[in-house]
Structure formats: C-alpha cells, structure tokens
Amino acid sequence: MVFLNDKVKINSVDYEVNYNPVQKSAAVTPVIAAECYAATLLAGSLELDNHELLPSFKMLFKLGNNRLRLRSFIIMNPLLTAASSEDNANLYRVTFKIYMDARVILRNEQHLAIFQ
C-alpha cells in the first residue's frame, strides 16, 4: 500500500464492523497490517465524516509482520445499507492518519457501509 519510511510498510487498513440490531449500534474496529524492519512507535488518529473520533493514539510496530487491532468505536443508530443496494447515500467516510514528527505521513480514506 504505502511505504512510510525505511522501517515500516503499511499493507492494509481495514475495518471490522459488528452491527447489533437490538442495541441499534455498530462497533467498528480498525485493523492495520504492516511489515516492519525495525521496532517503531508511531502516532495515529481516526476521523468519521470529518469528526475526530480517536484523537492521537500510539501504535507499536514490532519487527516482522504486524496486525494491530486498534480501539473500537461505536456508532449509535447508524445509517444502514441493504446488502443488495448500490446506493451510496448511507456510506460513512473514515479517515485514518499516521504521524511522524508532527506531520502526516499516511492518510488513508475509505467509505464504510453498515449492512442491515
């Protein structure tokens, strides 16, 4: 995906979504897959539709392949999408950023659908 520096290569940024119809909420967990050539500590943040949800958190990447499950966030009464729908009206925009020395070195923006 993106080669951040000589120490870390981010392979993917994915989101696990678990919708609970009883509580009418969706738990969303960011999952980062990366290859690291040296242990590295980086800072990150997460936005949903331009609203900062997880401000400034730290990620410790160890030597080798990494799969980091970050802290989940909850969307109450989410806009739902039918599985067969091609309507983009109910998509959320999730922006994941990684910082190094107070500058953004990775910005990953994805659309997220929560299925009924």
C-alpha atoms as a PDB file:
ATOM      1  CA  MET A   1       0.000   0.000   0.000  1.00  0.00           C
ATOM      2  CA  VAL A   2       2.297   2.776   1.231  1.00  0.00           C
ATOM      3  CA  PHE A   3       5.920   2.674   2.218  1.00  0.00           C
ATOM      4  CA  LEU A   4       6.196   5.033   5.175  1.00  0.00           C
ATOM      5  CA  ASN A   5       9.925   5.041   5.698  1.00  0.00           C
ATOM      6  CA  ASP A   6      12.773   2.556   5.800  1.00  0.00           C
ATOM      7  CA  LYS A   7      11.229   0.892   8.888  1.00  0.00           C
ATOM      8  CA  VAL A   8       7.501   0.380   8.221  1.00  0.00           C
ATOM      9  CA  LYS A   9       5.377  -0.650   5.237  1.00  0.00           C
ATOM     10  CA  ILE A  10       1.606  -0.448   5.767  1.00  0.00           C
ATOM     11  CA  ASN A  11      -0.027  -3.225   3.751  1.00  0.00           C
ATOM     12  CA  SER A  12      -3.668  -2.525   4.591  1.00  0.00           C
ATOM     13  CA  VAL A  13      -6.078  -0.533   6.729  1.00  0.00           C
ATOM     14  CA  ASP A  14      -9.362  -2.404   7.213  1.00  0.00           C
ATOM     15  CA  TYR A  15     -12.426  -2.009   9.409  1.00  0.00           C
ATOM     16  CA  GLU A  16     -14.300  -4.828  11.131  1.00  0.00           C
ATOM     17  CA  VAL A  17     -17.949  -3.842  11.586  1.00  0.00           C
ATOM     18  CA  ASN A  18     -20.309  -5.595  14.008  1.00  0.00           C
ATOM     19  CA  TYR A  19     -23.887  -4.323  13.868  1.00  0.00           C
ATOM     20  CA  ASN A  20     -26.118  -5.054  16.867  1.00  0.00           C
ATOM     21  CA  PRO A  21     -29.790  -4.702  15.823  1.00  0.00           C
ATOM     22  CA  VAL A  22     -31.044  -4.957  19.416  1.00  0.00           C
ATOM     23  CA  GLN A  23     -28.944  -2.022  20.648  1.00  0.00           C
ATOM     24  CA  LYS A  24     -29.084  -0.312  17.235  1.00  0.00           C
ATOM     25  CA  SER A  25     -25.337   0.257  17.306  1.00  0.00           C
ATOM     26  CA  ALA A  26     -22.300  -0.689  15.249  1.00  0.00           C
ATOM     27  CA  ALA A  27     -18.896  -1.413  16.738  1.00  0.00           C
ATOM     28  CA  VAL A  28     -16.114  -0.562  14.273  1.00  0.00           C
ATOM     29  CA  THR A  29     -12.576  -1.829  14.853  1.00  0.00           C
ATOM     30  CA  PRO A  30      -9.684  -0.549  12.717  1.00  0.00           C
ATOM     31  CA  VAL A  31      -7.163  -3.268  11.812  1.00  0.00           C
ATOM     32  CA  ILE A  32      -3.727  -2.339  10.474  1.00  0.00           C
ATOM     33  CA  ALA A  33      -1.471  -4.847   8.703  1.00  0.00           C
ATOM     34  CA  ALA A  34       2.177  -3.844   8.316  1.00  0.00           C
ATOM     35  CA  GLU A  35       5.673  -5.168   7.719  1.00  0.00           C
ATOM     36  CA  CYS A  36       8.357  -3.707   9.961  1.00  0.00           C
ATOM     37  CA  TYR A  37      12.091  -3.826   9.513  1.00  0.00           C
ATOM     38  CA  ALA A  38      12.745  -2.340  12.972  1.00  0.00           C
ATOM     39  CA  ALA A  39      10.532  -1.777  16.017  1.00  0.00           C
ATOM     40  CA  THR A  40       8.772   1.554  15.555  1.00  0.00           C
ATOM     41  CA  LEU A  41       6.368   3.652  17.607  1.00  0.00           C
ATOM     42  CA  LEU A  42       4.037   5.873  15.572  1.00  0.00           C
ATOM     43  CA  ALA A  43       1.095   8.120  16.408  1.00  0.00           C
ATOM     44  CA  GLY A  44      -2.253   7.997  14.639  1.00  0.00           C
ATOM     45  CA  SER A  45      -5.746   9.467  14.637  1.00  0.00           C
ATOM     46  CA  LEU A  46      -9.130   8.484  13.229  1.00  0.00           C
ATOM     47  CA  GLU A  47     -11.965  10.599  11.831  1.00  0.00           C
ATOM     48  CA  LEU A  48     -15.511   9.712  10.838  1.00  0.00           C
ATOM     49  CA  ASP A  49     -17.110  12.142   8.382  1.00  0.00           C
ATOM     50  CA  ASN A  50     -14.549  14.817   9.371  1.00  0.00           C
ATOM     51  CA  HIS A  51     -15.191  14.377  13.112  1.00  0.00           C
ATOM     52  CA  GLU A  52     -12.203  13.206  15.125  1.00  0.00           C
ATOM     53  CA  LEU A  53     -13.169  10.013  16.946  1.00  0.00           C
ATOM     54  CA  LEU A  54      -9.871   8.678  18.217  1.00  0.00           C
ATOM     55  CA  PRO A  55      -7.532  11.591  18.768  1.00  0.00           C
ATOM     56  CA  SER A  56      -3.821  10.869  18.941  1.00  0.00           C
ATOM     57  CA  PHE A  57      -3.134   7.279  19.885  1.00  0.00           C
ATOM     58  CA  LYS A  58       0.141   5.348  19.755  1.00  0.00           C
ATOM     59  CA  MET A  59       0.870   2.222  17.721  1.00  0.00           C
ATOM     60  CA  LEU A  60       3.811  -0.027  18.478  1.00  0.00           C
ATOM     61  CA  PHE A  61       5.014  -1.949  15.438  1.00  0.00           C
ATOM     62  CA  LYS A  62       7.315  -4.878  16.214  1.00  0.00           C
ATOM     63  CA  LEU A  63       9.937  -6.384  13.938  1.00  0.00           C
ATOM     64  CA  GLY A  64       8.310  -8.577  11.256  1.00  0.00           C
ATOM     65  CA  ASN A  65       4.661  -8.836  10.248  1.00  0.00           C
ATOM     66  CA  ASN A  66       2.189  -6.934  12.395  1.00  0.00           C
ATOM     67  CA  ARG A  67      -1.583  -6.990  12.672  1.00  0.00           C
ATOM     68  CA  LEU A  68      -2.735  -4.248  15.037  1.00  0.00           C
ATOM     69  CA  ARG A  69      -6.339  -4.136  16.230  1.00  0.00           C
ATOM     70  CA  LEU A  70      -6.958  -0.593  17.393  1.00  0.00           C
ATOM     71  CA  ARG A  71      -9.537   0.593  19.883  1.00  0.00           C
ATOM     72  CA  SER A  72     -13.105   0.169  18.627  1.00  0.00           C
ATOM     73  CA  PHE A  73     -15.559   3.000  18.307  1.00  0.00           C
ATOM     74  CA  ILE A  74     -19.358   2.806  18.454  1.00  0.00           C
ATOM     75  CA  ILE A  75     -21.828   4.381  16.043  1.00  0.00           C
ATOM     76  CA  MET A  76     -25.261   4.687  17.668  1.00  0.00           C
ATOM     77  CA  ASN A  77     -28.292   4.453  15.370  1.00  0.00           C
ATOM     78  CA  PRO A  78     -26.128   4.106  12.255  1.00  0.00           C
ATOM     79  CA  LEU A  79     -27.365   4.706   8.746  1.00  0.00           C
ATOM     80  CA  LEU A  80     -27.857   1.226   7.330  1.00  0.00           C
ATOM     81  CA  THR A  81     -27.295  -0.074   3.829  1.00  0.00           C
ATOM     82  CA  ALA A  82     -29.179  -3.000   2.315  1.00  0.00           C
ATOM     83  CA  ALA A  83     -26.786  -5.745   1.236  1.00  0.00           C
ATOM     84  CA  SER A  84     -28.130  -5.627  -2.320  1.00  0.00           C
ATOM     85  CA  SER A  85     -28.165  -1.834  -2.522  1.00  0.00           C
ATOM     86  CA  GLU A  86     -25.824   0.206  -4.659  1.00  0.00           C
ATOM     87  CA  ASP A  87     -26.988   3.426  -3.002  1.00  0.00           C
ATOM     88  CA  ASN A  88     -24.011   5.383  -1.651  1.00  0.00           C
ATOM     89  CA  ALA A  89     -26.143   7.726   0.459  1.00  0.00           C
ATOM     90  CA  ASN A  90     -25.556   5.774   3.684  1.00  0.00           C
ATOM     91  CA  LEU A  91     -21.785   5.462   3.429  1.00  0.00           C
ATOM     92  CA  TYR A  92     -19.551   6.866   6.160  1.00  0.00           C
ATOM     93  CA  ARG A  93     -16.148   8.327   5.298  1.00  0.00           C
ATOM     94  CA  VAL A  94     -13.397   7.055   7.606  1.00  0.00           C
ATOM     95  CA  THR A  95     -10.010   8.802   7.577  1.00  0.00           C
ATOM     96  CA  PHE A  96      -7.057   7.129   9.260  1.00  0.00           C
ATOM     97  CA  LYS A  97      -3.844   9.137   9.681  1.00  0.00           C
ATOM     98  CA  ILE A  98      -0.356   8.187  10.838  1.00  0.00           C
ATOM     99  CA  TYR A  99       2.013  10.886  12.076  1.00  0.00           C
ATOM    100  CA  MET A 100       5.777  11.078  12.395  1.00  0.00           C
ATOM    101  CA  ASP A 101       7.476  14.157  13.830  1.00  0.00           C
ATOM    102  CA  ALA A 102       4.155  16.067  13.893  1.00  0.00           C
ATOM    103  CA  ARG A 103       3.469  15.614  10.165  1.00  0.00           C
ATOM    104  CA  VAL A 104       1.059  13.264   8.423  1.00  0.00           C
ATOM    105  CA  ILE A 105       2.980  10.513   6.652  1.00  0.00           C
ATOM    106  CA  LEU A 106      -0.043   8.372   5.761  1.00  0.00           C
ATOM    107  CA  ARG A 107      -3.623   9.395   5.089  1.00  0.00           C
ATOM    108  CA  ASN A 108      -5.998   6.545   4.264  1.00  0.00           C
ATOM    109  CA  GLU A 109      -9.586   7.459   3.411  1.00  0.00           C
ATOM    110  CA  GLN A 110     -12.258   4.801   2.863  1.00  0.00           C
ATOM    111  CA  HIS A 111     -16.013   4.584   2.616  1.00  0.00           C
ATOM    112  CA  LEU A 112     -17.682   2.360   5.182  1.00  0.00           C
ATOM    113  CA  ALA A 113     -21.095   0.726   4.842  1.00  0.00           C
ATOM    114  CA  ILE A 114     -23.008  -0.799   7.734  1.00  0.00           C
ATOM    115  CA  PHE A 115     -25.269  -3.570   6.474  1.00  0.00           C
ATOM    116  CA  GLN A 116     -28.634  -4.448   7.967  1.00  0.00           C
END
